[in-house]
């Protein structure tokens, strides 16, 4: 099994609801790490072109860049927690990546030492 990882950073604000209370809006430089896996390599010795993965991730993140997540679908109706952001990225990436690879996990770090990982089984 081969694994590849791509990373990106985007800036966005959010205000999550915790136990019925909405916190004050604040911003983060969100760090995103996407891990994909492949059972084999192609004729060029690649599991997948890194540029294809980066382009897919950029397309998924583009609507969130420099935005308020609470006003941006799907987080206009979903609490924009790090966990929910990680799951959304994983779900969207799965529909955009080449068929020879599959999503293993997406990790979203919203502050140093504070990250959420969505793992696909």
C-alpha atoms as a PDB file:
ATOM      1  CA  UNK A   1       0.000   0.000   0.000  1.00  0.00           C
ATOM      2  CA  UNK A   2       1.267   3.457  -0.911  1.00  0.00           C
ATOM      3  CA  UNK A   3       0.214   6.697   0.777  1.00  0.00           C
ATOM      4  CA  UNK A   4       0.537  10.262  -0.429  1.00  0.00           C
ATOM      5  CA  UNK A   5      -0.127  13.425   1.540  1.00  0.00           C
ATOM      6  CA  UNK A   6      -0.843  16.962   0.406  1.00  0.00           C
ATOM      7  CA  UNK A   7      -1.188  20.013   2.621  1.00  0.00           C
ATOM      8  CA  UNK A   8      -2.727  23.420   2.279  1.00  0.00           C
ATOM      9  CA  UNK A   9      -3.488  26.396   4.523  1.00  0.00           C
ATOM     10  CA  UNK A  10      -6.488  28.682   4.202  1.00  0.00           C
ATOM     11  CA  UNK A  11      -7.703  31.572   6.320  1.00  0.00           C
ATOM     12  CA  UNK A  12     -11.330  31.724   7.401  1.00  0.00           C
ATOM     13  CA  UNK A  13     -13.492  32.789  10.315  1.00  0.00           C
ATOM     14  CA  UNK A  14     -16.146  30.817  12.167  1.00  0.00           C
ATOM     15  CA  UNK A  15     -18.262  30.809  15.299  1.00  0.00           C
ATOM     16  CA  UNK A  16     -19.316  27.388  16.498  1.00  0.00           C
ATOM     17  CA  UNK A  17     -22.213  26.518  18.759  1.00  0.00           C
ATOM     18  CA  UNK A  18     -21.247  24.662  21.936  1.00  0.00           C
ATOM     19  CA  UNK A  19     -24.017  23.401  24.228  1.00  0.00           C
ATOM     20  CA  UNK A  20     -26.490  25.810  22.649  1.00  0.00           C
ATOM     21  CA  UNK A  21     -24.243  28.867  22.989  1.00  0.00           C
ATOM     22  CA  UNK A  22     -22.671  30.465  19.942  1.00  0.00           C
ATOM     23  CA  UNK A  23     -19.119  31.639  20.545  1.00  0.00           C
ATOM     24  CA  UNK A  24     -17.770  34.920  19.219  1.00  0.00           C
ATOM     25  CA  UNK A  25     -16.683  34.901  15.600  1.00  0.00           C
ATOM     26  CA  UNK A  26     -12.937  34.484  15.229  1.00  0.00           C
ATOM     27  CA  UNK A  27     -10.469  33.524  12.550  1.00  0.00           C
ATOM     28  CA  UNK A  28      -7.948  30.767  11.987  1.00  0.00           C
ATOM     29  CA  UNK A  29      -5.264  29.836   9.539  1.00  0.00           C
ATOM     30  CA  UNK A  30      -6.678  26.366   8.949  1.00  0.00           C
ATOM     31  CA  UNK A  31      -4.096  23.735   8.055  1.00  0.00           C
ATOM     32  CA  UNK A  32      -5.393  20.820   5.996  1.00  0.00           C
ATOM     33  CA  UNK A  33      -3.626  17.519   5.390  1.00  0.00           C
ATOM     34  CA  UNK A  34      -5.168  14.974   3.035  1.00  0.00           C
ATOM     35  CA  UNK A  35      -3.811  11.419   2.920  1.00  0.00           C
ATOM     36  CA  UNK A  36      -4.683   9.141   0.012  1.00  0.00           C
ATOM     37  CA  UNK A  37      -3.684   5.549  -0.634  1.00  0.00           C
ATOM     38  CA  UNK A  38      -3.127   3.343  -3.652  1.00  0.00           C
ATOM     39  CA  UNK A  39      -2.593  -0.392  -3.876  1.00  0.00           C
ATOM     40  CA  UNK A  40      -0.222  -0.116  -6.828  1.00  0.00           C
ATOM     41  CA  UNK A  41       1.788   2.270  -8.954  1.00  0.00           C
ATOM     42  CA  UNK A  42       1.115   3.252 -12.552  1.00  0.00           C
ATOM     43  CA  UNK A  43       3.519   2.706 -15.478  1.00  0.00           C
ATOM     44  CA  UNK A  44       5.416   5.842 -14.422  1.00  0.00           C
ATOM     45  CA  UNK A  45       5.936   4.568 -10.886  1.00  0.00           C
ATOM     46  CA  UNK A  46       3.348   6.945  -9.389  1.00  0.00           C
ATOM     47  CA  UNK A  47       0.432   6.265  -7.091  1.00  0.00           C
ATOM     48  CA  UNK A  48      -0.978   9.596  -8.279  1.00  0.00           C
ATOM     49  CA  UNK A  49       0.381  12.918  -9.488  1.00  0.00           C
ATOM     50  CA  UNK A  50       0.764  15.282  -6.512  1.00  0.00           C
ATOM     51  CA  UNK A  51      -0.368  18.165  -8.722  1.00  0.00           C
ATOM     52  CA  UNK A  52      -3.712  16.460  -9.365  1.00  0.00           C
ATOM     53  CA  UNK A  53      -4.272  16.037  -5.628  1.00  0.00           C
ATOM     54  CA  UNK A  54      -3.264  19.633  -4.914  1.00  0.00           C
ATOM     55  CA  UNK A  55      -5.581  20.962  -7.621  1.00  0.00           C
ATOM     56  CA  UNK A  56      -8.493  18.944  -6.227  1.00  0.00           C
ATOM     57  CA  UNK A  57      -7.836  20.187  -2.702  1.00  0.00           C
ATOM     58  CA  UNK A  58      -7.507  23.780  -3.908  1.00  0.00           C
ATOM     59  CA  UNK A  59     -10.904  23.492  -5.612  1.00  0.00           C
ATOM     60  CA  UNK A  60     -12.517  22.131  -2.448  1.00  0.00           C
ATOM     61  CA  UNK A  61     -11.019  24.892  -0.274  1.00  0.00           C
ATOM     62  CA  UNK A  62     -11.543  27.819  -2.643  1.00  0.00           C
ATOM     63  CA  UNK A  63     -15.086  28.698  -1.416  1.00  0.00           C
ATOM     64  CA  UNK A  64     -13.820  28.974   2.179  1.00  0.00           C
ATOM     65  CA  UNK A  65     -10.753  31.172   1.647  1.00  0.00           C
ATOM     66  CA  UNK A  66     -11.004  34.506   3.493  1.00  0.00           C
ATOM     67  CA  UNK A  67     -14.660  33.860   4.270  1.00  0.00           C
ATOM     68  CA  UNK A  68     -16.910  33.418   7.273  1.00  0.00           C
ATOM     69  CA  UNK A  69     -17.634  29.684   7.271  1.00  0.00           C
ATOM     70  CA  UNK A  70     -20.984  30.283   8.993  1.00  0.00           C
ATOM     71  CA  UNK A  71     -22.140  32.075   5.838  1.00  0.00           C
ATOM     72  CA  UNK A  72     -20.671  29.561   3.370  1.00  0.00           C
ATOM     73  CA  UNK A  73     -22.358  26.293   2.350  1.00  0.00           C
ATOM     74  CA  UNK A  74     -22.530  23.743   3.818  1.00  0.00           C
ATOM     75  CA  UNK A  75     -21.602  25.499   7.055  1.00  0.00           C
ATOM     76  CA  UNK A  76     -24.447  27.949   6.747  1.00  0.00           C
ATOM     77  CA  UNK A  77     -26.532  25.006   8.042  1.00  0.00           C
ATOM     78  CA  UNK A  78     -23.829  22.780   9.629  1.00  0.00           C
ATOM     79  CA  UNK A  79     -21.940  23.802  12.776  1.00  0.00           C
ATOM     80  CA  UNK A  80     -18.468  24.678  11.370  1.00  0.00           C
ATOM     81  CA  UNK A  81     -16.407  22.636  13.810  1.00  0.00           C
ATOM     82  CA  UNK A  82     -12.977  21.337  12.840  1.00  0.00           C
ATOM     83  CA  UNK A  83     -14.517  17.864  12.777  1.00  0.00           C
ATOM     84  CA  UNK A  84     -17.231  18.929  10.337  1.00  0.00           C
ATOM     85  CA  UNK A  85     -14.722  20.772   8.148  1.00  0.00           C
ATOM     86  CA  UNK A  86     -12.496  17.670   7.987  1.00  0.00           C
ATOM     87  CA  UNK A  87     -15.441  15.429   7.047  1.00  0.00           C
ATOM     88  CA  UNK A  88     -16.643  17.865   4.370  1.00  0.00           C
ATOM     89  CA  UNK A  89     -13.190  18.076   2.803  1.00  0.00           C
ATOM     90  CA  UNK A  90     -12.881  14.272   2.787  1.00  0.00           C
ATOM     91  CA  UNK A  91     -16.307  13.839   1.201  1.00  0.00           C
ATOM     92  CA  UNK A  92     -15.643  16.446  -1.485  1.00  0.00           C
ATOM     93  CA  UNK A  93     -12.132  15.209  -2.217  1.00  0.00           C
ATOM     94  CA  UNK A  94     -13.398  11.649  -2.693  1.00  0.00           C
ATOM     95  CA  UNK A  95     -15.462  12.810  -5.678  1.00  0.00           C
ATOM     96  CA  UNK A  96     -12.590  14.746  -7.266  1.00  0.00           C
ATOM     97  CA  UNK A  97      -9.499  12.574  -7.030  1.00  0.00           C
ATOM     98  CA  UNK A  98      -8.276  10.085  -9.636  1.00  0.00           C
ATOM     99  CA  UNK A  99      -9.898   6.651  -9.358  1.00  0.00           C
ATOM    100  CA  UNK A 100      -6.648   4.800  -8.601  1.00  0.00           C
ATOM    101  CA  UNK A 101      -6.393   6.420  -5.152  1.00  0.00           C
ATOM    102  CA  UNK A 102      -8.762   6.645  -2.217  1.00  0.00           C
ATOM    103  CA  UNK A 103      -9.015   9.018   0.724  1.00  0.00           C
ATOM    104  CA  UNK A 104      -7.500   7.620   3.918  1.00  0.00           C
ATOM    105  CA  UNK A 105      -7.877  10.650   6.174  1.00  0.00           C
ATOM    106  CA  UNK A 106      -8.216  14.396   6.376  1.00  0.00           C
ATOM    107  CA  UNK A 107      -6.715  16.331   9.267  1.00  0.00           C
ATOM    108  CA  UNK A 108      -7.737  19.909   9.972  1.00  0.00           C
ATOM    109  CA  UNK A 109      -5.749  22.007  12.426  1.00  0.00           C
ATOM    110  CA  UNK A 110      -7.450  25.214  13.480  1.00  0.00           C
ATOM    111  CA  UNK A 111      -4.907  26.280  16.118  1.00  0.00           C
ATOM    112  CA  UNK A 112      -1.517  24.968  17.225  1.00  0.00           C
ATOM    113  CA  UNK A 113      -2.070  21.694  19.043  1.00  0.00           C
ATOM    114  CA  UNK A 114      -5.783  21.533  18.134  1.00  0.00           C
ATOM    115  CA  UNK A 115      -6.690  19.312  15.220  1.00  0.00           C
ATOM    116  CA  UNK A 116      -9.451  16.988  14.105  1.00  0.00           C
ATOM    117  CA  UNK A 117      -8.937  14.000  11.840  1.00  0.00           C
ATOM    118  CA  UNK A 118     -11.649  12.353   9.750  1.00  0.00           C
ATOM    119  CA  UNK A 119     -10.630   8.775   8.910  1.00  0.00           C
ATOM    120  CA  UNK A 120     -12.326   6.727   6.228  1.00  0.00           C
ATOM    121  CA  UNK A 121     -12.491   2.998   6.798  1.00  0.00           C
END
